[in-house]
PDB file of N, CA and C in Angstrom:
ATOM      1  N   MET A   1     110.297-118.968 -39.120  1.00  0.00           N
ATOM      2  CA  MET A   1     111.177-119.501 -38.163  1.00  0.00           C
ATOM      3  C   MET A   1     110.880-120.964 -37.668  1.00  0.00           C
ATOM      4  N   SER A   2     111.536-121.652 -37.681  1.00  0.00           N
ATOM      5  CA  SER A   2     111.192-123.170 -37.249  1.00  0.00           C
ATOM      6  C   SER A   2     111.346-123.279 -35.919  1.00  0.00           C
ATOM      7  N   VAL A   3     110.779-124.458 -35.357  1.00  0.00           N
ATOM      8  CA  VAL A   3     110.819-124.780 -33.974  1.00  0.00           C
ATOM      9  C   VAL A   3     112.188-125.021 -33.455  1.00  0.00           C
ATOM     10  N   LYS A   4     113.089-125.617 -34.274  1.00  0.00           N
ATOM     11  CA  LYS A   4     114.506-125.856 -33.942  1.00  0.00           C
ATOM     12  C   LYS A   4     115.337-124.447 -33.753  1.00  0.00           C
ATOM     13  N   ALA A   5     114.863-123.571 -34.717  1.00  0.00           N
ATOM     14  CA  ALA A   5     115.569-122.339 -34.603  1.00  0.00           C
ATOM     15  C   ALA A   5     115.121-121.591 -33.417  1.00  0.00           C
ATOM     16  N   LEU A   6     113.983-121.640 -33.077  1.00  0.00           N
ATOM     17  CA  LEU A   6     113.363-120.981 -31.968  1.00  0.00           C
ATOM     18  C   LEU A   6     113.978-121.412 -30.704  1.00  0.00           C
ATOM     19  N   SER A   7     114.071-122.802 -30.541  1.00  0.00           N
ATOM     20  CA  SER A   7     114.658-123.451 -29.315  1.00  0.00           C
ATOM     21  C   SER A   7     116.140-123.133 -29.396  1.00  0.00           C
ATOM     22  N   ALA A   8     116.695-123.061 -30.415  1.00  0.00           N
ATOM     23  CA  ALA A   8     118.110-122.770 -30.324  1.00  0.00           C
ATOM     24  C   ALA A   8     118.341-121.215 -29.909  1.00  0.00           C
ATOM     25  N   GLU A   9     117.460-120.308 -30.265  1.00  0.00           N
ATOM     26  CA  GLU A   9     117.549-119.073 -29.881  1.00  0.00           C
ATOM     27  C   GLU A   9     117.244-118.643 -28.489  1.00  0.00           C
ATOM     28  N   VAL A  10     116.158-119.391 -27.807  1.00  0.00           N
ATOM     29  CA  VAL A  10     115.653-119.218 -26.485  1.00  0.00           C
ATOM     30  C   VAL A  10     116.319-120.075 -25.614  1.00  0.00           C
ATOM     31  N   PRO A  11     117.182-119.558 -24.564  1.00  0.00           N
ATOM     32  CA  PRO A  11     117.940-120.546 -23.487  1.00  0.00           C
ATOM     33  C   PRO A  11     116.718-121.006 -22.806  1.00  0.00           C
ATOM     34  N   THR A  12     117.081-122.287 -22.281  1.00  0.00           N
ATOM     35  CA  THR A  12     116.225-123.168 -21.549  1.00  0.00           C
ATOM     36  C   THR A  12     115.649-122.512 -20.253  1.00  0.00           C
ATOM     37  N   ASP A  13     116.586-121.687 -19.472  1.00  0.00           N
ATOM     38  CA  ASP A  13     116.194-120.943 -18.366  1.00  0.00           C
ATOM     39  C   ASP A  13     115.087-119.871 -18.605  1.00  0.00           C
ATOM     40  N   GLU A  14     115.132-119.183 -19.785  1.00  0.00           N
ATOM     41  CA  GLU A  14     114.323-118.337 -20.176  1.00  0.00           C
ATOM     42  C   GLU A  14     112.913-118.943 -20.429  1.00  0.00           C
ATOM     43  N   PHE A  15     112.971-120.141 -21.176  1.00  0.00           N
ATOM     44  CA  PHE A  15     111.779-120.733 -21.649  1.00  0.00           C
ATOM     45  C   PHE A  15     111.004-121.293 -20.351  1.00  0.00           C
ATOM     46  N   SER A  16     111.870-121.785 -19.434  1.00  0.00           N
ATOM     47  CA  SER A  16     111.297-122.244 -18.140  1.00  0.00           C
ATOM     48  C   SER A  16     110.572-121.251 -17.414  1.00  0.00           C
ATOM     49  N   VAL A  17     111.066-120.080 -17.449  1.00  0.00           N
ATOM     50  CA  VAL A  17     110.576-118.890 -16.641  1.00  0.00           C
ATOM     51  C   VAL A  17     109.297-118.404 -17.422  1.00  0.00           C
ATOM     52  N   LEU A  18     109.358-118.503 -18.789  1.00  0.00           N
ATOM     53  CA  LEU A  18     108.046-118.176 -19.364  1.00  0.00           C
ATOM     54  C   LEU A  18     107.012-119.302 -19.322  1.00  0.00           C
ATOM     55  N   GLU A  19     107.361-120.394 -19.260  1.00  0.00           N
ATOM     56  CA  GLU A  19     106.445-121.583 -19.037  1.00  0.00           C
ATOM     57  C   GLU A  19     105.877-121.361 -17.696  1.00  0.00           C
ATOM     58  N   GLU A  20     106.502-121.160 -16.761  1.00  0.00           N
ATOM     59  CA  GLU A  20     106.034-120.772 -15.348  1.00  0.00           C
ATOM     60  C   GLU A  20     104.997-119.769 -15.297  1.00  0.00           C
ATOM     61  N   LYS A  21     105.383-118.706 -15.987  1.00  0.00           N
ATOM     62  CA  LYS A  21     104.404-117.561 -16.183  1.00  0.00           C
ATOM     63  C   LYS A  21     103.119-117.838 -16.736  1.00  0.00           C
ATOM     64  N   VAL A  22     103.161-118.698 -17.851  1.00  0.00           N
ATOM     65  CA  VAL A  22     102.003-119.205 -18.537  1.00  0.00           C
ATOM     66  C   VAL A  22     101.199-120.087 -17.590  1.00  0.00           C
ATOM     67  N   TYR A  23     101.892-120.922 -16.788  1.00  0.00           N
ATOM     68  CA  TYR A  23     100.961-121.771 -15.897  1.00  0.00           C
ATOM     69  C   TYR A  23     100.376-120.946 -14.841  1.00  0.00           C
ATOM     70  N   ARG A  24     101.024-119.917 -14.348  1.00  0.00           N
ATOM     71  CA  ARG A  24     100.500-119.078 -13.291  1.00  0.00           C
ATOM     72  C   ARG A  24      99.477-118.277 -13.806  1.00  0.00           C
ATOM     73  N   THR A  25      99.413-117.900 -15.022  1.00  0.00           N
ATOM     74  CA  THR A  25      98.378-117.125 -15.714  1.00  0.00           C
ATOM     75  C   THR A  25      97.184-118.018 -15.865  1.00  0.00           C
ATOM     76  N   ILE A  26      97.382-119.127 -16.262  1.00  0.00           N
ATOM     77  CA  ILE A  26      96.322-120.206 -16.434  1.00  0.00           C
ATOM     78  C   ILE A  26      95.591-120.445 -15.014  1.00  0.00           C
ATOM     79  N   ASP A  27      96.420-120.615 -13.980  1.00  0.00           N
ATOM     80  CA  ASP A  27      95.834-120.774 -12.592  1.00  0.00           C
ATOM     81  C   ASP A  27      95.263-119.445 -12.260  1.00  0.00           C
ATOM     82  N   LEU A  28      95.635-118.298 -12.358  1.00  0.00           N
ATOM     83  CA  LEU A  28      94.834-117.186 -12.097  1.00  0.00           C
ATOM     84  C   LEU A  28      93.681-117.059 -12.891  1.00  0.00           C
ATOM     85  N   TYR A  29      93.626-117.374 -14.114  1.00  0.00           N
ATOM     86  CA  TYR A  29      92.392-117.571 -14.975  1.00  0.00           C
ATOM     87  C   TYR A  29      91.389-118.325 -14.293  1.00  0.00           C
ATOM     88  N   LYS A  30      91.851-119.445 -14.057  1.00  0.00           N
ATOM     89  CA  LYS A  30      90.913-120.675 -13.469  1.00  0.00           C
ATOM     90  C   LYS A  30      90.411-120.072 -12.079  1.00  0.00           C
ATOM     91  N   SER A  31      91.255-119.521 -11.360  1.00  0.00           N
ATOM     92  CA  SER A  31      90.637-118.896 -10.064  1.00  0.00           C
ATOM     93  C   SER A  31      89.776-117.850 -10.234  1.00  0.00           C
ATOM     94  N   ALA A  32      89.940-116.902 -11.216  1.00  0.00           N
ATOM     95  CA  ALA A  32      89.076-115.678 -11.484  1.00  0.00           C
ATOM     96  C   ALA A  32      87.661-116.327 -11.987  1.00  0.00           C
ATOM     97  N   ARG A  33      87.643-117.282 -12.786  1.00  0.00           N
ATOM     98  CA  ARG A  33      86.693-117.870 -13.312  1.00  0.00           C
ATOM     99  C   ARG A  33      85.716-118.585 -12.162  1.00  0.00           C
ATOM    100  N   GLU A  34      86.532-119.314 -11.316  1.00  0.00           N
ATOM    101  CA  GLU A  34      85.763-119.779 -10.348  1.00  0.00           C
ATOM    102  C   GLU A  34      85.134-118.766  -9.268  1.00  0.00           C
ATOM    103  N   ALA A  35      85.903-117.709  -9.114  1.00  0.00           N
ATOM    104  CA  ALA A  35      85.494-116.705  -8.253  1.00  0.00           C
ATOM    105  C   ALA A  35      84.378-115.995  -8.913  1.00  0.00           C
ATOM    106  N   ARG A  36      84.250-115.795 -10.182  1.00  0.00           N
ATOM    107  CA  ARG A  36      83.120-115.183 -10.909  1.00  0.00           C
ATOM    108  C   ARG A  36      81.947-116.075 -10.657  1.00  0.00           C
ATOM    109  N   SER A  37      82.107-117.344 -10.876  1.00  0.00           N
ATOM    110  CA  SER A  37      81.036-118.339 -10.664  1.00  0.00           C
ATOM    111  C   SER A  37      80.343-118.235  -9.224  1.00  0.00           C
ATOM    112  N   VAL A  38      81.199-118.165  -8.339  1.00  0.00           N
ATOM    113  CA  VAL A  38      80.875-118.109  -6.784  1.00  0.00           C
ATOM    114  C   VAL A  38      80.040-116.825  -6.565  1.00  0.00           C
ATOM    115  N   ALA A  39      80.548-115.714  -7.180  1.00  0.00           N
ATOM    116  CA  ALA A  39      80.022-114.363  -6.987  1.00  0.00           C
ATOM    117  C   ALA A  39      78.642-114.461  -8.009  1.00  0.00           C
ATOM    118  N   GLU A  40      78.406-115.037  -9.040  1.00  0.00           N
ATOM    119  CA  GLU A  40      77.194-115.058  -9.742  1.00  0.00           C
ATOM    120  C   GLU A  40      76.047-115.806  -8.887  1.00  0.00           C
ATOM    121  N   ARG A  41      76.490-116.920  -8.276  1.00  0.00           N
ATOM    122  CA  ARG A  41      75.701-117.680  -7.257  1.00  0.00           C
ATOM    123  C   ARG A  41      75.239-116.906  -6.134  1.00  0.00           C
ATOM    124  N   ASP A  42      76.215-116.098  -5.705  1.00  0.00           N
ATOM    125  CA  ASP A  42      75.950-115.172  -4.563  1.00  0.00           C
ATOM    126  C   ASP A  42      74.851-114.172  -4.958  1.00  0.00           C
ATOM    127  N   ILE A  43      75.203-113.582  -6.065  1.00  0.00           N
ATOM    128  CA  ILE A  43      74.242-112.452  -6.640  1.00  0.00           C
ATOM    129  C   ILE A  43      72.773-113.023  -6.684  1.00  0.00           C
ATOM    130  N   GLN A  44      72.787-114.288  -7.280  1.00  0.00           N
ATOM    131  CA  GLN A  44      71.452-114.813  -7.517  1.00  0.00           C
ATOM    132  C   GLN A  44      70.757-115.116  -6.195  1.00  0.00           C
ATOM    133  N   ARG A  45      71.425-115.579  -5.098  1.00  0.00           N
ATOM    134  CA  ARG A  45      70.987-115.855  -3.849  1.00  0.00           C
ATOM    135  C   ARG A  45      70.543-114.640  -3.147  1.00  0.00           C
ATOM    136  N   LEU A  46      71.278-113.467  -3.280  1.00  0.00           N
ATOM    137  CA  LEU A  46      71.038-112.238  -2.750  1.00  0.00           C
ATOM    138  C   LEU A  46      69.747-111.533  -3.418  1.00  0.00           C
ATOM    139  N   ARG A  47      69.638-111.737  -4.673  1.00  0.00           N
ATOM    140  CA  ARG A  47      68.381-111.208  -5.522  1.00  0.00           C
ATOM    141  C   ARG A  47      67.144-111.915  -4.884  1.00  0.00           C
ATOM    142  N   GLN A  48      67.264-113.059  -4.659  1.00  0.00           N
ATOM    143  CA  GLN A  48      66.243-114.054  -4.031  1.00  0.00           C
ATOM    144  C   GLN A  48      65.997-113.413  -2.835  1.00  0.00           C
ATOM    145  N   GLN A  49      66.746-113.334  -1.950  1.00  0.00           N
ATOM    146  CA  GLN A  49      66.493-112.793  -0.589  1.00  0.00           C
ATOM    147  C   GLN A  49      65.919-111.387  -0.744  1.00  0.00           C
ATOM    148  N   LEU A  50      66.525-110.618  -1.658  1.00  0.00           N
ATOM    149  CA  LEU A  50      65.905-109.144  -1.685  1.00  0.00           C
ATOM    150  C   LEU A  50      64.520-109.293  -2.011  1.00  0.00           C
ATOM    151  N   GLU A  51      64.194-110.136  -3.003  1.00  0.00           N
ATOM    152  CA  GLU A  51      62.782-110.173  -3.608  1.00  0.00           C
ATOM    153  C   GLU A  51      61.983-110.732  -2.342  1.00  0.00           C
ATOM    154  N   GLU A  52      62.374-111.620  -1.529  1.00  0.00           N
ATOM    155  CA  GLU A  52      61.519-112.142  -0.431  1.00  0.00           C
ATOM    156  C   GLU A  52      61.374-111.002   0.568  1.00  0.00           C
ATOM    157  N   ARG A  53      62.544-110.141   0.770  1.00  0.00           N
ATOM    158  CA  ARG A  53      62.199-109.184   1.695  1.00  0.00           C
ATOM    159  C   ARG A  53      61.439-108.015   1.256  1.00  0.00           C
ATOM    160  N   GLU A  54      61.345-107.799  -0.055  1.00  0.00           N
ATOM    161  CA  GLU A  54      60.565-106.913  -0.583  1.00  0.00           C
ATOM    162  C   GLU A  54      58.954-107.333  -0.466  1.00  0.00           C
ATOM    163  N   GLU A  55      58.813-108.661  -0.664  1.00  0.00           N
ATOM    164  CA  GLU A  55      57.402-109.019  -0.531  1.00  0.00           C
ATOM    165  C   GLU A  55      57.054-109.006   0.991  1.00  0.00           C
ATOM    166  N   GLU A  56      57.915-109.235   1.967  1.00  0.00           N
ATOM    167  CA  GLU A  56      57.789-109.115   3.241  1.00  0.00           C
ATOM    168  C   GLU A  56      57.204-107.741   3.695  1.00  0.00           C
ATOM    169  N   VAL A  57      58.114-106.858   3.253  1.00  0.00           N
ATOM    170  CA  VAL A  57      57.877-105.417   3.506  1.00  0.00           C
ATOM    171  C   VAL A  57      56.461-104.953   2.970  1.00  0.00           C
ATOM    172  N   GLU A  58      56.254-105.504   1.640  1.00  0.00           N
ATOM    173  CA  GLU A  58      54.688-105.119   1.152  1.00  0.00           C
ATOM    174  C   GLU A  58      53.735-105.681   1.974  1.00  0.00           C
ATOM    175  N   GLN A  59      53.763-106.975   2.573  1.00  0.00           N
ATOM    176  CA  GLN A  59      52.943-107.592   3.198  1.00  0.00           C
ATOM    177  C   GLN A  59      52.783-106.742   4.691  1.00  0.00           C
ATOM    178  N   LEU A  60      53.838-106.408   5.356  1.00  0.00           N
ATOM    179  CA  LEU A  60      53.874-105.523   6.492  1.00  0.00           C
ATOM    180  C   LEU A  60      53.189-104.162   6.280  1.00  0.00           C
ATOM    181  N   ARG A  61      53.498-103.633   5.187  1.00  0.00           N
ATOM    182  CA  ARG A  61      52.838-102.297   4.906  1.00  0.00           C
ATOM    183  C   ARG A  61      51.255-102.329   4.809  1.00  0.00           C
ATOM    184  N   ARG A  62      50.834-103.539   4.106  1.00  0.00           N
ATOM    185  CA  ARG A  62      49.523-103.802   4.021  1.00  0.00           C
ATOM    186  C   ARG A  62      48.793-103.991   5.409  1.00  0.00           C
ATOM    187  N   GLU A  63      49.455-104.788   6.319  1.00  0.00           N
ATOM    188  CA  GLU A  63      49.012-105.066   7.686  1.00  0.00           C
ATOM    189  C   GLU A  63      48.998-103.751   8.376  1.00  0.00           C
ATOM    190  N   ALA A  64      49.855-102.932   8.311  1.00  0.00           N
ATOM    191  CA  ALA A  64      49.917-101.688   8.966  1.00  0.00           C
ATOM    192  C   ALA A  64      48.798-100.776   8.596  1.00  0.00           C
ATOM    193  N   VAL A  65      48.535-100.643   7.316  1.00  0.00           N
ATOM    194  CA  VAL A  65      47.336-100.006   6.739  1.00  0.00           C
ATOM    195  C   VAL A  65      46.081-100.489   7.300  1.00  0.00           C
ATOM    196  N   ALA A  66      46.127-101.810   7.308  1.00  0.00           N
ATOM    197  CA  ALA A  66      44.691-102.360   7.860  1.00  0.00           C
ATOM    198  C   ALA A  66      44.663-102.129   9.365  1.00  0.00           C
ATOM    199  N   LEU A  67      45.800-102.184  10.160  1.00  0.00           N
ATOM    200  CA  LEU A  67      45.698-101.760  11.473  1.00  0.00           C
ATOM    201  C   LEU A  67      45.289-100.630  11.849  1.00  0.00           C
ATOM    202  N   LYS A  68      45.902 -99.600  10.975  1.00  0.00           N
ATOM    203  CA  LYS A  68      45.431 -98.210  11.276  1.00  0.00           C
ATOM    204  C   LYS A  68      43.959 -97.927  10.876  1.00  0.00           C
ATOM    205  N   ARG A  69      43.558 -98.580   9.979  1.00  0.00           N
ATOM    206  CA  ARG A  69      42.038 -98.573   9.667  1.00  0.00           C
ATOM    207  C   ARG A  69      41.190 -99.003  10.758  1.00  0.00           C
ATOM    208  N   GLU A  70      41.609-100.220  11.158  1.00  0.00           N
ATOM    209  CA  GLU A  70      40.916-100.843  12.316  1.00  0.00           C
ATOM    210  C   GLU A  70      40.927 -99.827  13.654  1.00  0.00           C
ATOM    211  N   ARG A  71      42.035 -99.350  13.869  1.00  0.00           N
ATOM    212  CA  ARG A  71      42.310 -98.513  15.009  1.00  0.00           C
ATOM    213  C   ARG A  71      41.252 -97.344  15.023  1.00  0.00           C
ATOM    214  N   GLU A  72      41.140 -96.755  13.831  1.00  0.00           N
ATOM    215  CA  GLU A  72      40.269 -95.651  13.464  1.00  0.00           C
ATOM    216  C   GLU A  72      38.793 -95.996  13.684  1.00  0.00           C
ATOM    217  N   GLU A  73      38.473 -97.147  13.298  1.00  0.00           N
ATOM    218  CA  GLU A  73      37.004 -97.789  13.565  1.00  0.00           C
ATOM    219  C   GLU A  73      36.811 -97.805  14.993  1.00  0.00           C
ATOM    220  N   VAL A  74      37.809 -98.499  15.638  1.00  0.00           N
ATOM    221  CA  VAL A  74      37.492 -98.586  17.185  1.00  0.00           C
ATOM    222  C   VAL A  74      37.511 -97.283  17.798  1.00  0.00           C
ATOM    223  N   ARG A  75      38.311 -96.295  17.570  1.00  0.00           N
ATOM    224  CA  ARG A  75      38.188 -94.926  18.011  1.00  0.00           C
ATOM    225  C   ARG A  75      36.787 -94.483  17.936  1.00  0.00           C
ATOM    226  N   THR A  76      36.472 -94.470  16.626  1.00  0.00           N
ATOM    227  CA  THR A  76      34.962 -93.999  16.284  1.00  0.00           C
ATOM    228  C   THR A  76      33.911 -94.579  17.238  1.00  0.00           C
ATOM    229  N   ARG A  77      33.986 -95.969  17.395  1.00  0.00           N
ATOM    230  CA  ARG A  77      33.000 -96.531  18.200  1.00  0.00           C
ATOM    231  C   ARG A  77      33.262 -96.124  19.577  1.00  0.00           C
ATOM    232  N   VAL A  78      34.343 -96.187  20.235  1.00  0.00           N
ATOM    233  CA  VAL A  78      34.582 -95.835  21.527  1.00  0.00           C
ATOM    234  C   VAL A  78      33.962 -94.308  21.823  1.00  0.00           C
ATOM    235  N   GLU A  79      34.376 -93.383  20.839  1.00  0.00           N
ATOM    236  CA  GLU A  79      33.892 -92.049  21.026  1.00  0.00           C
ATOM    237  C   GLU A  79      32.384 -91.877  20.963  1.00  0.00           C
ATOM    238  N   ASN A  80      31.840 -92.856  20.269  1.00  0.00           N
ATOM    239  CA  ASN A  80      30.169 -92.827  20.103  1.00  0.00           C
ATOM    240  C   ASN A  80      29.703 -93.401  21.518  1.00  0.00           C
ATOM    241  N   MET A  81      30.525 -94.303  22.047  1.00  0.00           N
ATOM    242  CA  MET A  81      29.953 -95.013  23.297  1.00  0.00           C
ATOM    243  C   MET A  81      30.122 -93.733  24.466  1.00  0.00           C
ATOM    244  N   LEU A  82      31.219 -93.087  24.333  1.00  0.00           N
ATOM    245  CA  LEU A  82      31.452 -92.062  25.405  1.00  0.00           C
ATOM    246  C   LEU A  82      30.499 -90.978  25.233  1.00  0.00           C
ATOM    247  N   ARG A  83      30.108 -90.547  24.020  1.00  0.00           N
ATOM    248  CA  ARG A  83      28.929 -89.465  23.902  1.00  0.00           C
ATOM    249  C   ARG A  83      27.810 -90.152  24.458  1.00  0.00           C
ATOM    250  N   GLN A  84      27.342 -91.464  24.168  1.00  0.00           N
ATOM    251  CA  GLN A  84      26.161 -91.753  24.786  1.00  0.00           C
ATOM    252  C   GLN A  84      26.247 -91.826  26.324  1.00  0.00           C
ATOM    253  N   ILE A  85      27.377 -92.257  26.935  1.00  0.00           N
ATOM    254  CA  ILE A  85      27.492 -92.412  28.298  1.00  0.00           C
ATOM    255  C   ILE A  85      27.470 -90.892  28.933  1.00  0.00           C
ATOM    256  N   GLU A  86      27.834 -89.963  28.184  1.00  0.00           N
ATOM    257  CA  GLU A  86      27.859 -88.538  28.630  1.00  0.00           C
ATOM    258  C   GLU A  86      26.319 -88.040  28.594  1.00  0.00           C
ATOM    259  N   ALA A  87      25.767 -88.411  27.508  1.00  0.00           N
ATOM    260  CA  ALA A  87      24.123 -88.039  27.449  1.00  0.00           C
ATOM    261  C   ALA A  87      23.380 -88.650  28.508  1.00  0.00           C
ATOM    262  N   LEU A  88      23.786 -89.979  28.888  1.00  0.00           N
ATOM    263  CA  LEU A  88      23.031 -90.476  29.947  1.00  0.00           C
ATOM    264  C   LEU A  88      23.240 -89.954  31.355  1.00  0.00           C
ATOM    265  N   ALA A  89      24.477 -89.608  31.541  1.00  0.00           N
ATOM    266  CA  ALA A  89      24.962 -88.820  32.725  1.00  0.00           C
ATOM    267  C   ALA A  89      24.375 -87.598  32.789  1.00  0.00           C
ATOM    268  N   GLU A  90      24.337 -86.770  31.775  1.00  0.00           N
ATOM    269  CA  GLU A  90      23.596 -85.640  31.815  1.00  0.00           C
ATOM    270  C   GLU A  90      22.152 -85.647  32.168  1.00  0.00           C
ATOM    271  N   GLU A  91      21.447 -86.663  31.504  1.00  0.00           N
ATOM    272  CA  GLU A  91      19.890 -86.767  31.951  1.00  0.00           C
ATOM    273  C   GLU A  91      19.756 -87.147  33.296  1.00  0.00           C
ATOM    274  N   ALA A  92      20.630 -87.971  33.719  1.00  0.00           N
ATOM    275  CA  ALA A  92      20.571 -88.527  35.048  1.00  0.00           C
ATOM    276  C   ALA A  92      20.812 -87.285  36.053  1.00  0.00           C
ATOM    277  N   ALA A  93      21.884 -86.329  35.624  1.00  0.00           N
ATOM    278  CA  ALA A  93      22.156 -85.109  36.671  1.00  0.00           C
ATOM    279  C   ALA A  93      20.803 -84.242  36.573  1.00  0.00           C
ATOM    280  N   ALA A  94      20.210 -84.256  35.358  1.00  0.00           N
ATOM    281  CA  ALA A  94      18.913 -83.086  35.175  1.00  0.00           C
ATOM    282  C   ALA A  94      17.789 -83.740  36.045  1.00  0.00           C
ATOM    283  N   ASP A  95      17.878 -85.084  36.196  1.00  0.00           N
ATOM    284  CA  ASP A  95      16.523 -85.496  36.962  1.00  0.00           C
ATOM    285  C   ASP A  95      16.700 -85.217  38.373  1.00  0.00           C
TER     286      ASP A  95
END
């Protein structure tokens, strides 16, 4: 079928409607492609932020472990000092 035959068969109004639908489809495609690009940038940014937060959590976990260890060391030292004070107090009471 030639272009002349096709144009003769399709009224101008119908062609205009079809043309408008094609342009709307193109605009929707462009918008979707732009939205996808924005979403991909957001995903990349969020992945980076997640990685940073995971590193922060790991650092805080290590700090918490170190603080617990230090607390136990201090507790042991204080208990030793208290035992020595009690021993001195008992010696003084015995005299």
